[in-house]
Amino acid sequence: MPDWYNDRPPFEIGDLFYLEAFMRLQTCRQIGMSLGPIPWTAVHAYGVAAGLDALMLLVFEKVIAEMDSAFLEWCENERPKAEPATLPQPELEER
């Protein structure tokens, strides 16, 4: 097995809830020129639908926000750096 696999952090049973929620909430993010964050309204609604009490809802929102920040940072670092766009210039006839 590769080193990164063997060095992974321990997996707790409760982690699955957050991982599944994060994967489902990914579908709520806006995509334009770049990825946007998962909207707070979607995270909050997911937590309410999951039946989280007020305190756990705050924890859930913070955990998902941190996961999303790390994901967006990773995406930015993985994106190939594009060269500046240049438009072709028309050739001018000499007179």
Foldseek 3Di string as FASTA:
>chain_A
DDPCVVPDDDDDPVVVVLVVLLVVLLVQWDADVHTDFRDLVSLLVVCVVVVDDPVVSVVSSVVSRVVRVVVRVVVVVPDDDDDDDDDDDDDDDDD
